[in-house]
PDB file of N, CA and C in Angstrom:
ATOM      1  N   UNK A   1       5.649 -32.580   6.361  1.00  0.00           N
ATOM      2  CA  UNK A   1       4.328 -31.978   5.399  1.00  0.00           C
ATOM      3  C   UNK A   1       3.605 -30.876   5.755  1.00  0.00           C
ATOM      4  N   UNK A   2       3.599 -30.276   4.589  1.00  0.00           N
ATOM      5  CA  UNK A   2       2.796 -28.899   4.402  1.00  0.00           C
ATOM      6  C   UNK A   2       1.421 -29.204   5.221  1.00  0.00           C
ATOM      7  N   UNK A   3       0.872 -28.065   6.070  1.00  0.00           N
ATOM      8  CA  UNK A   3      -0.366 -27.399   6.638  1.00  0.00           C
ATOM      9  C   UNK A   3      -1.296 -27.141   5.357  1.00  0.00           C
ATOM     10  N   UNK A   4      -2.298 -27.416   5.495  1.00  0.00           N
ATOM     11  CA  UNK A   4      -3.623 -27.750   4.955  1.00  0.00           C
ATOM     12  C   UNK A   4      -4.583 -26.247   5.153  1.00  0.00           C
ATOM     13  N   UNK A   5      -5.055 -25.953   4.293  1.00  0.00           N
ATOM     14  CA  UNK A   5      -5.788 -24.405   4.782  1.00  0.00           C
ATOM     15  C   UNK A   5      -7.254 -24.472   3.816  1.00  0.00           C
ATOM     16  N   UNK A   6      -8.035 -23.920   4.338  1.00  0.00           N
ATOM     17  CA  UNK A   6      -9.524 -23.608   3.804  1.00  0.00           C
ATOM     18  C   UNK A   6     -10.031 -22.609   3.923  1.00  0.00           C
ATOM     19  N   UNK A   7     -10.474 -21.713   2.968  1.00  0.00           N
ATOM     20  CA  UNK A   7     -10.605 -20.220   2.988  1.00  0.00           C
ATOM     21  C   UNK A   7     -11.876 -20.021   3.111  1.00  0.00           C
ATOM     22  N   UNK A   8     -12.605 -18.943   3.675  1.00  0.00           N
ATOM     23  CA  UNK A   8     -13.798 -18.618   2.969  1.00  0.00           C
ATOM     24  C   UNK A   8     -14.357 -17.133   2.853  1.00  0.00           C
ATOM     25  N   UNK A   9     -14.892 -16.124   1.758  1.00  0.00           N
ATOM     26  CA  UNK A   9     -15.083 -15.110   1.897  1.00  0.00           C
ATOM     27  C   UNK A   9     -17.143 -14.517   1.874  1.00  0.00           C
ATOM     28  N   UNK A  10     -16.626 -14.103   2.958  1.00  0.00           N
ATOM     29  CA  UNK A  10     -18.483 -13.991   3.719  1.00  0.00           C
ATOM     30  C   UNK A  10     -18.835 -14.985   3.653  1.00  0.00           C
ATOM     31  N   UNK A  11     -18.620 -15.970   3.933  1.00  0.00           N
ATOM     32  CA  UNK A  11     -19.204 -17.406   4.567  1.00  0.00           C
ATOM     33  C   UNK A  11     -19.422 -17.960   3.659  1.00  0.00           C
ATOM     34  N   UNK A  12     -18.771 -18.023   2.367  1.00  0.00           N
ATOM     35  CA  UNK A  12     -18.679 -19.118   1.179  1.00  0.00           C
ATOM     36  C   UNK A  12     -17.425 -19.147   0.486  1.00  0.00           C
ATOM     37  N   UNK A  13     -17.307 -20.833   0.796  1.00  0.00           N
ATOM     38  CA  UNK A  13     -16.190 -21.423   0.725  1.00  0.00           C
ATOM     39  C   UNK A  13     -15.143 -20.797  -0.803  1.00  0.00           C
ATOM     40  N   UNK A  14     -13.994 -20.685  -0.114  1.00  0.00           N
ATOM     41  CA  UNK A  14     -13.365 -20.282  -1.889  1.00  0.00           C
ATOM     42  C   UNK A  14     -12.719 -21.388  -2.068  1.00  0.00           C
ATOM     43  N   UNK A  15     -12.793 -22.021  -3.452  1.00  0.00           N
ATOM     44  CA  UNK A  15     -11.859 -23.195  -3.286  1.00  0.00           C
ATOM     45  C   UNK A  15     -10.396 -22.865  -4.081  1.00  0.00           C
ATOM     46  N   UNK A  16     -10.557 -21.102  -4.305  1.00  0.00           N
ATOM     47  CA  UNK A  16      -8.679 -20.948  -4.908  1.00  0.00           C
ATOM     48  C   UNK A  16      -8.011 -19.113  -4.542  1.00  0.00           C
ATOM     49  N   UNK A  17      -6.982 -19.310  -3.772  1.00  0.00           N
ATOM     50  CA  UNK A  17      -6.333 -17.381  -3.840  1.00  0.00           C
ATOM     51  C   UNK A  17      -5.007 -17.896  -4.110  1.00  0.00           C
ATOM     52  N   UNK A  18      -4.794 -16.940  -4.595  1.00  0.00           N
ATOM     53  CA  UNK A  18      -3.691 -16.768  -5.558  1.00  0.00           C
ATOM     54  C   UNK A  18      -2.832 -15.174  -4.666  1.00  0.00           C
ATOM     55  N   UNK A  19      -1.821 -15.575  -4.281  1.00  0.00           N
ATOM     56  CA  UNK A  19      -1.213 -14.449  -4.187  1.00  0.00           C
ATOM     57  C   UNK A  19      -0.655 -13.699  -4.789  1.00  0.00           C
ATOM     58  N   UNK A  20      -0.628 -12.597  -4.968  1.00  0.00           N
ATOM     59  CA  UNK A  20       0.499 -11.324  -6.061  1.00  0.00           C
ATOM     60  C   UNK A  20       0.786 -10.765  -5.765  1.00  0.00           C
ATOM     61  N   UNK A  21       2.020 -10.775  -6.430  1.00  0.00           N
ATOM     62  CA  UNK A  21       3.207  -9.373  -5.649  1.00  0.00           C
ATOM     63  C   UNK A  21       2.792  -8.244  -6.357  1.00  0.00           C
ATOM     64  N   UNK A  22       2.927  -6.816  -5.346  1.00  0.00           N
ATOM     65  CA  UNK A  22       2.531  -5.741  -5.978  1.00  0.00           C
ATOM     66  C   UNK A  22       3.392  -5.488  -6.389  1.00  0.00           C
ATOM     67  N   UNK A  23       3.208  -4.654  -8.159  1.00  0.00           N
ATOM     68  CA  UNK A  23       4.108  -3.831  -8.726  1.00  0.00           C
ATOM     69  C   UNK A  23       3.569  -2.484  -8.843  1.00  0.00           C
ATOM     70  N   UNK A  24       4.467  -1.657  -8.586  1.00  0.00           N
ATOM     71  CA  UNK A  24       4.184  -0.208  -9.215  1.00  0.00           C
ATOM     72  C   UNK A  24       5.378   0.499 -10.113  1.00  0.00           C
ATOM     73  N   UNK A  25       4.535   0.681 -11.055  1.00  0.00           N
ATOM     74  CA  UNK A  25       5.815   1.378 -12.486  1.00  0.00           C
ATOM     75  C   UNK A  25       6.776   0.514 -12.547  1.00  0.00           C
ATOM     76  N   UNK A  26       6.189  -0.588 -12.445  1.00  0.00           N
ATOM     77  CA  UNK A  26       7.305  -2.247 -12.878  1.00  0.00           C
ATOM     78  C   UNK A  26       7.859  -2.599 -11.669  1.00  0.00           C
ATOM     79  N   UNK A  27       7.828  -1.834 -10.886  1.00  0.00           N
ATOM     80  CA  UNK A  27       9.256  -2.794  -9.847  1.00  0.00           C
ATOM     81  C   UNK A  27       7.910  -3.183  -8.876  1.00  0.00           C
ATOM     82  N   UNK A  28       8.771  -4.124  -8.089  1.00  0.00           N
ATOM     83  CA  UNK A  28       7.911  -5.241  -6.976  1.00  0.00           C
ATOM     84  C   UNK A  28       8.279  -4.197  -5.860  1.00  0.00           C
ATOM     85  N   UNK A  29       7.252  -4.263  -4.988  1.00  0.00           N
ATOM     86  CA  UNK A  29       7.262  -3.205  -3.424  1.00  0.00           C
ATOM     87  C   UNK A  29       7.377  -4.136  -2.797  1.00  0.00           C
ATOM     88  N   UNK A  30       6.830  -5.712  -2.908  1.00  0.00           N
ATOM     89  CA  UNK A  30       7.427  -6.664  -1.595  1.00  0.00           C
ATOM     90  C   UNK A  30       6.352  -6.798  -0.386  1.00  0.00           C
ATOM     91  N   UNK A  31       4.902  -5.930  -1.231  1.00  0.00           N
ATOM     92  CA  UNK A  31       3.670  -5.722  -0.514  1.00  0.00           C
ATOM     93  C   UNK A  31       3.401  -7.511  -1.258  1.00  0.00           C
ATOM     94  N   UNK A  32       2.403  -7.879  -0.552  1.00  0.00           N
ATOM     95  CA  UNK A  32       1.642  -9.141  -1.984  1.00  0.00           C
ATOM     96  C   UNK A  32       0.099  -8.945  -1.468  1.00  0.00           C
ATOM     97  N   UNK A  33      -0.537  -9.365  -2.499  1.00  0.00           N
ATOM     98  CA  UNK A  33      -2.376  -9.418  -2.548  1.00  0.00           C
ATOM     99  C   UNK A  33      -2.690 -10.298  -2.902  1.00  0.00           C
ATOM    100  N   UNK A  34      -4.238 -10.808  -2.141  1.00  0.00           N
ATOM    101  CA  UNK A  34      -5.032 -12.053  -2.167  1.00  0.00           C
ATOM    102  C   UNK A  34      -6.005 -11.595  -3.147  1.00  0.00           C
ATOM    103  N   UNK A  35      -5.920 -12.798  -4.080  1.00  0.00           N
ATOM    104  CA  UNK A  35      -7.054 -12.766  -5.125  1.00  0.00           C
ATOM    105  C   UNK A  35      -8.095 -13.972  -4.602  1.00  0.00           C
ATOM    106  N   UNK A  36      -9.241 -13.683  -4.966  1.00  0.00           N
ATOM    107  CA  UNK A  36      -9.598 -15.483  -5.195  1.00  0.00           C
ATOM    108  C   UNK A  36     -10.289 -15.788  -5.989  1.00  0.00           C
ATOM    109  N   UNK A  37     -10.936 -16.805  -6.420  1.00  0.00           N
ATOM    110  CA  UNK A  37     -11.199 -17.675  -7.219  1.00  0.00           C
ATOM    111  C   UNK A  37     -13.193 -17.788  -6.552  1.00  0.00           C
ATOM    112  N   UNK A  38     -13.895 -17.720  -7.677  1.00  0.00           N
ATOM    113  CA  UNK A  38     -15.325 -17.771  -6.565  1.00  0.00           C
ATOM    114  C   UNK A  38     -16.084 -18.204  -8.004  1.00  0.00           C
ATOM    115  N   UNK A  39     -16.555 -19.386  -7.836  1.00  0.00           N
ATOM    116  CA  UNK A  39     -17.994 -19.846  -8.806  1.00  0.00           C
ATOM    117  C   UNK A  39     -18.994 -18.732  -9.235  1.00  0.00           C
ATOM    118  N   UNK A  40     -18.835 -18.392 -10.859  1.00  0.00           N
ATOM    119  CA  UNK A  40     -19.931 -17.643 -11.870  1.00  0.00           C
ATOM    120  C   UNK A  40     -19.244 -16.325 -11.165  1.00  0.00           C
ATOM    121  N   UNK A  41     -18.407 -16.027 -10.641  1.00  0.00           N
ATOM    122  CA  UNK A  41     -17.577 -14.608 -10.476  1.00  0.00           C
ATOM    123  C   UNK A  41     -16.022 -14.815 -11.186  1.00  0.00           C
ATOM    124  N   UNK A  42     -15.524 -15.182 -11.110  1.00  0.00           N
ATOM    125  CA  UNK A  42     -14.443 -15.580 -11.337  1.00  0.00           C
ATOM    126  C   UNK A  42     -13.162 -15.062  -9.977  1.00  0.00           C
ATOM    127  N   UNK A  43     -12.023 -14.422 -10.789  1.00  0.00           N
ATOM    128  CA  UNK A  43     -10.791 -14.233 -10.438  1.00  0.00           C
ATOM    129  C   UNK A  43     -10.758 -12.833  -9.565  1.00  0.00           C
ATOM    130  N   UNK A  44     -10.630 -12.253  -8.740  1.00  0.00           N
ATOM    131  CA  UNK A  44     -10.343 -10.314  -7.924  1.00  0.00           C
ATOM    132  C   UNK A  44     -10.059 -10.557  -7.103  1.00  0.00           C
ATOM    133  N   UNK A  45      -8.847  -9.537  -7.027  1.00  0.00           N
ATOM    134  CA  UNK A  45      -8.301  -8.607  -5.235  1.00  0.00           C
ATOM    135  C   UNK A  45      -9.519  -8.457  -4.526  1.00  0.00           C
ATOM    136  N   UNK A  46      -9.136  -8.798  -3.285  1.00  0.00           N
ATOM    137  CA  UNK A  46      -9.574  -8.359  -2.190  1.00  0.00           C
ATOM    138  C   UNK A  46      -8.840  -7.380  -1.498  1.00  0.00           C
ATOM    139  N   UNK A  47      -8.890  -6.566  -0.879  1.00  0.00           N
ATOM    140  CA  UNK A  47      -8.242  -5.852   0.395  1.00  0.00           C
ATOM    141  C   UNK A  47      -8.845  -5.768   1.186  1.00  0.00           C
ATOM    142  N   UNK A  48      -8.179  -4.726   2.334  1.00  0.00           N
ATOM    143  CA  UNK A  48      -8.616  -4.622   3.583  1.00  0.00           C
ATOM    144  C   UNK A  48     -10.228  -3.687   3.755  1.00  0.00           C
ATOM    145  N   UNK A  49     -10.619  -3.406   2.913  1.00  0.00           N
ATOM    146  CA  UNK A  49     -11.968  -2.282   2.764  1.00  0.00           C
ATOM    147  C   UNK A  49     -11.617  -1.133   3.824  1.00  0.00           C
ATOM    148  N   UNK A  50     -10.655  -0.695   3.778  1.00  0.00           N
ATOM    149  CA  UNK A  50     -10.214   0.167   4.742  1.00  0.00           C
ATOM    150  C   UNK A  50     -10.375   1.479   4.196  1.00  0.00           C
ATOM    151  N   UNK A  51     -10.313   1.938   2.983  1.00  0.00           N
ATOM    152  CA  UNK A  51     -10.376   2.897   1.868  1.00  0.00           C
ATOM    153  C   UNK A  51     -11.418   3.467   1.196  1.00  0.00           C
ATOM    154  N   UNK A  52     -12.603   2.526   1.558  1.00  0.00           N
ATOM    155  CA  UNK A  52     -13.754   2.947   0.419  1.00  0.00           C
ATOM    156  C   UNK A  52     -14.123   4.092   0.966  1.00  0.00           C
ATOM    157  N   UNK A  53     -14.600   4.306  -0.520  1.00  0.00           N
ATOM    158  CA  UNK A  53     -15.362   5.745  -0.784  1.00  0.00           C
ATOM    159  C   UNK A  53     -17.016   5.717  -0.163  1.00  0.00           C
ATOM    160  N   UNK A  54     -17.494   4.667   0.094  1.00  0.00           N
ATOM    161  CA  UNK A  54     -18.888   4.607   0.395  1.00  0.00           C
ATOM    162  C   UNK A  54     -18.451   3.915   0.923  1.00  0.00           C
ATOM    163  N   UNK A  55     -19.652   4.382   2.401  1.00  0.00           N
ATOM    164  CA  UNK A  55     -19.657   3.361   3.607  1.00  0.00           C
ATOM    165  C   UNK A  55     -20.596   2.053   3.174  1.00  0.00           C
ATOM    166  N   UNK A  56     -21.272   2.729   2.167  1.00  0.00           N
ATOM    167  CA  UNK A  56     -22.931   1.416   2.093  1.00  0.00           C
ATOM    168  C   UNK A  56     -22.360   0.285   1.725  1.00  0.00           C
ATOM    169  N   UNK A  57     -20.987  -0.007   1.237  1.00  0.00           N
ATOM    170  CA  UNK A  57     -20.594  -1.169   0.461  1.00  0.00           C
ATOM    171  C   UNK A  57     -20.312  -2.092   2.038  1.00  0.00           C
ATOM    172  N   UNK A  58     -20.714  -3.399   1.905  1.00  0.00           N
ATOM    173  CA  UNK A  58     -20.667  -4.264   2.208  1.00  0.00           C
ATOM    174  C   UNK A  58     -18.728  -4.552   2.797  1.00  0.00           C
ATOM    175  N   UNK A  59     -18.226  -5.342   4.044  1.00  0.00           N
ATOM    176  CA  UNK A  59     -17.221  -5.747   4.323  1.00  0.00           C
ATOM    177  C   UNK A  59     -16.863  -6.482   3.466  1.00  0.00           C
ATOM    178  N   UNK A  60     -15.676  -6.642   3.336  1.00  0.00           N
ATOM    179  CA  UNK A  60     -15.319  -8.742   2.531  1.00  0.00           C
ATOM    180  C   UNK A  60     -14.776  -9.132   3.988  1.00  0.00           C
ATOM    181  N   UNK A  61     -15.445  -9.963   4.518  1.00  0.00           N
ATOM    182  CA  UNK A  61     -14.936 -10.954   5.430  1.00  0.00           C
ATOM    183  C   UNK A  61     -14.154 -12.572   4.882  1.00  0.00           C
ATOM    184  N   UNK A  62     -12.716 -12.046   5.569  1.00  0.00           N
ATOM    185  CA  UNK A  62     -11.564 -13.377   4.767  1.00  0.00           C
ATOM    186  C   UNK A  62     -11.904 -14.262   6.021  1.00  0.00           C
ATOM    187  N   UNK A  63     -12.073 -15.470   6.213  1.00  0.00           N
ATOM    188  CA  UNK A  63     -11.766 -16.293   6.594  1.00  0.00           C
ATOM    189  C   UNK A  63     -10.715 -17.727   6.368  1.00  0.00           C
ATOM    190  N   UNK A  64      -9.982 -18.016   7.269  1.00  0.00           N
ATOM    191  CA  UNK A  64      -9.435 -19.019   7.013  1.00  0.00           C
ATOM    192  C   UNK A  64      -9.128 -20.243   8.206  1.00  0.00           C
ATOM    193  N   UNK A  65      -9.150 -21.409   7.666  1.00  0.00           N
ATOM    194  CA  UNK A  65      -9.308 -22.427   8.977  1.00  0.00           C
ATOM    195  C   UNK A  65      -7.788 -23.389   8.046  1.00  0.00           C
ATOM    196  N   UNK A  66      -6.872 -23.642   9.667  1.00  0.00           N
ATOM    197  CA  UNK A  66      -5.620 -24.618   9.336  1.00  0.00           C
ATOM    198  C   UNK A  66      -6.325 -25.806   9.296  1.00  0.00           C
ATOM    199  N   UNK A  67      -6.782 -27.026   7.797  1.00  0.00           N
ATOM    200  CA  UNK A  67      -7.438 -28.126   8.315  1.00  0.00           C
ATOM    201  C   UNK A  67      -6.315 -28.667   9.383  1.00  0.00           C
ATOM    202  N   UNK A  68      -5.034 -28.738   8.898  1.00  0.00           N
ATOM    203  CA  UNK A  68      -4.252 -29.410   9.849  1.00  0.00           C
ATOM    204  C   UNK A  68      -4.365 -29.719  11.318  1.00  0.00           C
ATOM    205  N   UNK A  69      -4.547 -29.058  11.826  1.00  0.00           N
ATOM    206  CA  UNK A  69      -4.522 -28.353  13.192  1.00  0.00           C
ATOM    207  C   UNK A  69      -6.309 -28.861  13.556  1.00  0.00           C
ATOM    208  N   UNK A  70      -6.862 -28.647  12.916  1.00  0.00           N
ATOM    209  CA  UNK A  70      -8.252 -28.301  13.369  1.00  0.00           C
ATOM    210  C   UNK A  70      -8.846 -30.143  13.532  1.00  0.00           C
ATOM    211  N   UNK A  71      -8.083 -31.199  12.740  1.00  0.00           N
ATOM    212  CA  UNK A  71      -8.218 -32.716  12.515  1.00  0.00           C
ATOM    213  C   UNK A  71      -7.923 -33.019  14.741  1.00  0.00           C
ATOM    214  N   UNK A  72      -7.309 -31.822  14.829  1.00  0.00           N
ATOM    215  CA  UNK A  72      -6.712 -32.514  16.015  1.00  0.00           C
ATOM    216  C   UNK A  72      -7.641 -31.765  17.612  1.00  0.00           C
ATOM    217  N   UNK A  73      -8.726 -31.145  17.226  1.00  0.00           N
ATOM    218  CA  UNK A  73      -9.404 -30.455  17.883  1.00  0.00           C
ATOM    219  C   UNK A  73     -10.570 -30.938  17.787  1.00  0.00           C
ATOM    220  N   UNK A  74     -11.244 -30.743  19.422  1.00  0.00           N
ATOM    221  CA  UNK A  74     -12.469 -31.678  19.289  1.00  0.00           C
ATOM    222  C   UNK A  74     -13.850 -30.427  19.048  1.00  0.00           C
ATOM    223  N   UNK A  75     -14.775 -31.016  18.275  1.00  0.00           N
ATOM    224  CA  UNK A  75     -15.592 -29.721  17.171  1.00  0.00           C
ATOM    225  C   UNK A  75     -16.307 -29.262  18.308  1.00  0.00           C
ATOM    226  N   UNK A  76     -16.541 -29.518  19.576  1.00  0.00           N
ATOM    227  CA  UNK A  76     -17.419 -29.233  20.492  1.00  0.00           C
ATOM    228  C   UNK A  76     -17.368 -28.631  21.433  1.00  0.00           C
ATOM    229  N   UNK A  77     -15.755 -28.122  21.129  1.00  0.00           N
ATOM    230  CA  UNK A  77     -15.028 -27.356  22.399  1.00  0.00           C
ATOM    231  C   UNK A  77     -14.514 -25.882  21.987  1.00  0.00           C
ATOM    232  N   UNK A  78     -15.329 -26.080  19.918  1.00  0.00           N
ATOM    233  CA  UNK A  78     -14.615 -24.366  19.396  1.00  0.00           C
ATOM    234  C   UNK A  78     -16.427 -24.031  19.014  1.00  0.00           C
ATOM    235  N   UNK A  79     -16.574 -22.878  19.359  1.00  0.00           N
ATOM    236  CA  UNK A  79     -17.688 -22.449  18.715  1.00  0.00           C
ATOM    237  C   UNK A  79     -17.492 -21.679  17.280  1.00  0.00           C
ATOM    238  N   UNK A  80     -16.568 -21.329  17.005  1.00  0.00           N
ATOM    239  CA  UNK A  80     -15.950 -20.842  15.635  1.00  0.00           C
ATOM    240  C   UNK A  80     -15.879 -21.959  14.621  1.00  0.00           C
ATOM    241  N   UNK A  81     -15.671 -23.284  15.159  1.00  0.00           N
ATOM    242  CA  UNK A  81     -15.777 -24.188  13.922  1.00  0.00           C
ATOM    243  C   UNK A  81     -14.108 -24.051  13.655  1.00  0.00           C
ATOM    244  N   UNK A  82     -13.119 -23.470  14.211  1.00  0.00           N
ATOM    245  CA  UNK A  82     -11.693 -23.108  14.243  1.00  0.00           C
ATOM    246  C   UNK A  82     -11.705 -22.456  12.869  1.00  0.00           C
ATOM    247  N   UNK A  83     -12.167 -21.490  12.509  1.00  0.00           N
ATOM    248  CA  UNK A  83     -12.818 -20.294  11.155  1.00  0.00           C
ATOM    249  C   UNK A  83     -11.942 -19.366  12.151  1.00  0.00           C
ATOM    250  N   UNK A  84     -10.909 -18.479  11.771  1.00  0.00           N
ATOM    251  CA  UNK A  84     -10.842 -17.220  12.157  1.00  0.00           C
ATOM    252  C   UNK A  84     -10.598 -16.172  11.466  1.00  0.00           C
ATOM    253  N   UNK A  85     -11.128 -14.511  11.518  1.00  0.00           N
ATOM    254  CA  UNK A  85     -10.984 -13.723  10.521  1.00  0.00           C
ATOM    255  C   UNK A  85      -9.595 -13.136  10.479  1.00  0.00           C
ATOM    256  N   UNK A  86      -9.760 -12.219   9.330  1.00  0.00           N
ATOM    257  CA  UNK A  86      -8.745 -11.915   8.946  1.00  0.00           C
ATOM    258  C   UNK A  86      -8.656 -11.126   7.883  1.00  0.00           C
ATOM    259  N   UNK A  87      -7.330  -9.977   7.871  1.00  0.00           N
ATOM    260  CA  UNK A  87      -7.154  -8.927   6.594  1.00  0.00           C
ATOM    261  C   UNK A  87      -6.416  -9.882   5.893  1.00  0.00           C
ATOM    262  N   UNK A  88      -6.086  -9.576   4.369  1.00  0.00           N
ATOM    263  CA  UNK A  88      -5.733 -10.125   3.460  1.00  0.00           C
ATOM    264  C   UNK A  88      -3.958 -10.063   3.800  1.00  0.00           C
ATOM    265  N   UNK A  89      -3.299  -8.888   4.515  1.00  0.00           N
ATOM    266  CA  UNK A  89      -2.507  -9.262   4.600  1.00  0.00           C
ATOM    267  C   UNK A  89      -2.005  -9.893   6.177  1.00  0.00           C
ATOM    268  N   UNK A  90      -2.739  -9.967   7.293  1.00  0.00           N
ATOM    269  CA  UNK A  90      -2.439 -11.229   7.878  1.00  0.00           C
ATOM    270  C   UNK A  90      -2.657 -12.663   7.850  1.00  0.00           C
ATOM    271  N   UNK A  91      -3.408 -13.006   6.605  1.00  0.00           N
ATOM    272  CA  UNK A  91      -3.356 -14.121   6.100  1.00  0.00           C
ATOM    273  C   UNK A  91      -2.125 -14.084   5.272  1.00  0.00           C
ATOM    274  N   UNK A  92      -1.642 -12.995   4.175  1.00  0.00           N
ATOM    275  CA  UNK A  92      -0.501 -13.508   3.882  1.00  0.00           C
ATOM    276  C   UNK A  92       0.553 -13.440   4.671  1.00  0.00           C
ATOM    277  N   UNK A  93       0.951 -13.415   6.117  1.00  0.00           N
ATOM    278  CA  UNK A  93       1.672 -13.510   7.163  1.00  0.00           C
ATOM    279  C   UNK A  93       1.120 -14.822   7.513  1.00  0.00           C
ATOM    280  N   UNK A  94       0.039 -15.322   8.271  1.00  0.00           N
ATOM    281  CA  UNK A  94      -0.699 -16.738   8.801  1.00  0.00           C
ATOM    282  C   UNK A  94       0.505 -18.102   7.280  1.00  0.00           C
ATOM    283  N   UNK A  95      -0.129 -17.302   6.249  1.00  0.00           N
ATOM    284  CA  UNK A  95       0.173 -18.374   5.449  1.00  0.00           C
ATOM    285  C   UNK A  95       2.295 -18.735   5.263  1.00  0.00           C
ATOM    286  N   UNK A  96       2.647 -17.168   5.477  1.00  0.00           N
ATOM    287  CA  UNK A  96       4.460 -17.395   5.794  1.00  0.00           C
ATOM    288  C   UNK A  96       4.804 -18.118   7.061  1.00  0.00           C
ATOM    289  N   UNK A  97       4.142 -18.058   7.681  1.00  0.00           N
ATOM    290  CA  UNK A  97       4.216 -18.783   9.038  1.00  0.00           C
ATOM    291  C   UNK A  97       4.348 -19.517   8.997  1.00  0.00           C
ATOM    292  N   UNK A  98       3.298 -20.105   8.402  1.00  0.00           N
ATOM    293  CA  UNK A  98       3.150 -21.794   8.566  1.00  0.00           C
ATOM    294  C   UNK A  98       3.997 -22.799   7.685  1.00  0.00           C
ATOM    295  N   UNK A  99       4.865 -21.854   6.589  1.00  0.00           N
ATOM    296  CA  UNK A  99       5.976 -22.402   5.685  1.00  0.00           C
ATOM    297  C   UNK A  99       4.804 -22.497   4.066  1.00  0.00           C
ATOM    298  N   UNK A 100       3.902 -22.282   4.322  1.00  0.00           N
ATOM    299  CA  UNK A 100       2.979 -22.178   2.997  1.00  0.00           C
ATOM    300  C   UNK A 100       3.150 -22.306   1.578  1.00  0.00           C
ATOM    301  N   UNK A 101       3.736 -20.662   1.886  1.00  0.00           N
ATOM    302  CA  UNK A 101       4.589 -19.696   0.721  1.00  0.00           C
ATOM    303  C   UNK A 101       5.908 -18.928   1.680  1.00  0.00           C
ATOM    304  N   UNK A 102       6.891 -18.797   0.663  1.00  0.00           N
ATOM    305  CA  UNK A 102       7.680 -17.781   1.223  1.00  0.00           C
ATOM    306  C   UNK A 102       7.721 -16.700   0.406  1.00  0.00           C
ATOM    307  N   UNK A 103       7.891 -15.573   1.521  1.00  0.00           N
ATOM    308  CA  UNK A 103       7.769 -14.131   0.832  1.00  0.00           C
ATOM    309  C   UNK A 103       8.415 -13.540   0.230  1.00  0.00           C
ATOM    310  N   UNK A 104      10.447 -14.215   0.341  1.00  0.00           N
ATOM    311  CA  UNK A 104      11.414 -13.521   0.305  1.00  0.00           C
ATOM    312  C   UNK A 104      11.941 -13.207  -1.173  1.00  0.00           C
TER     313      UNK A 104
END
């Protein structure tokens, strides 16, 4: 049975994420991008914000929770309620390791 995950962006639940393959000049690079769908805004790609030209822009805080593992944890024993902050690249690696996606 596959593991189930929940996602948040800046503390707000994200009902859908999309993992897109990067293309440069029509060729796949092997890199993946995370896009999210947010009610009232739509779909947009997020990145790790490391190359922002304006430091006044707020960083995107991407979090995930492995709901399958969270079911077996005492909620009182966790300050973060199971949420873990990650970069988009780290989230792709987590989902691949969990067998949710295949990056080959």
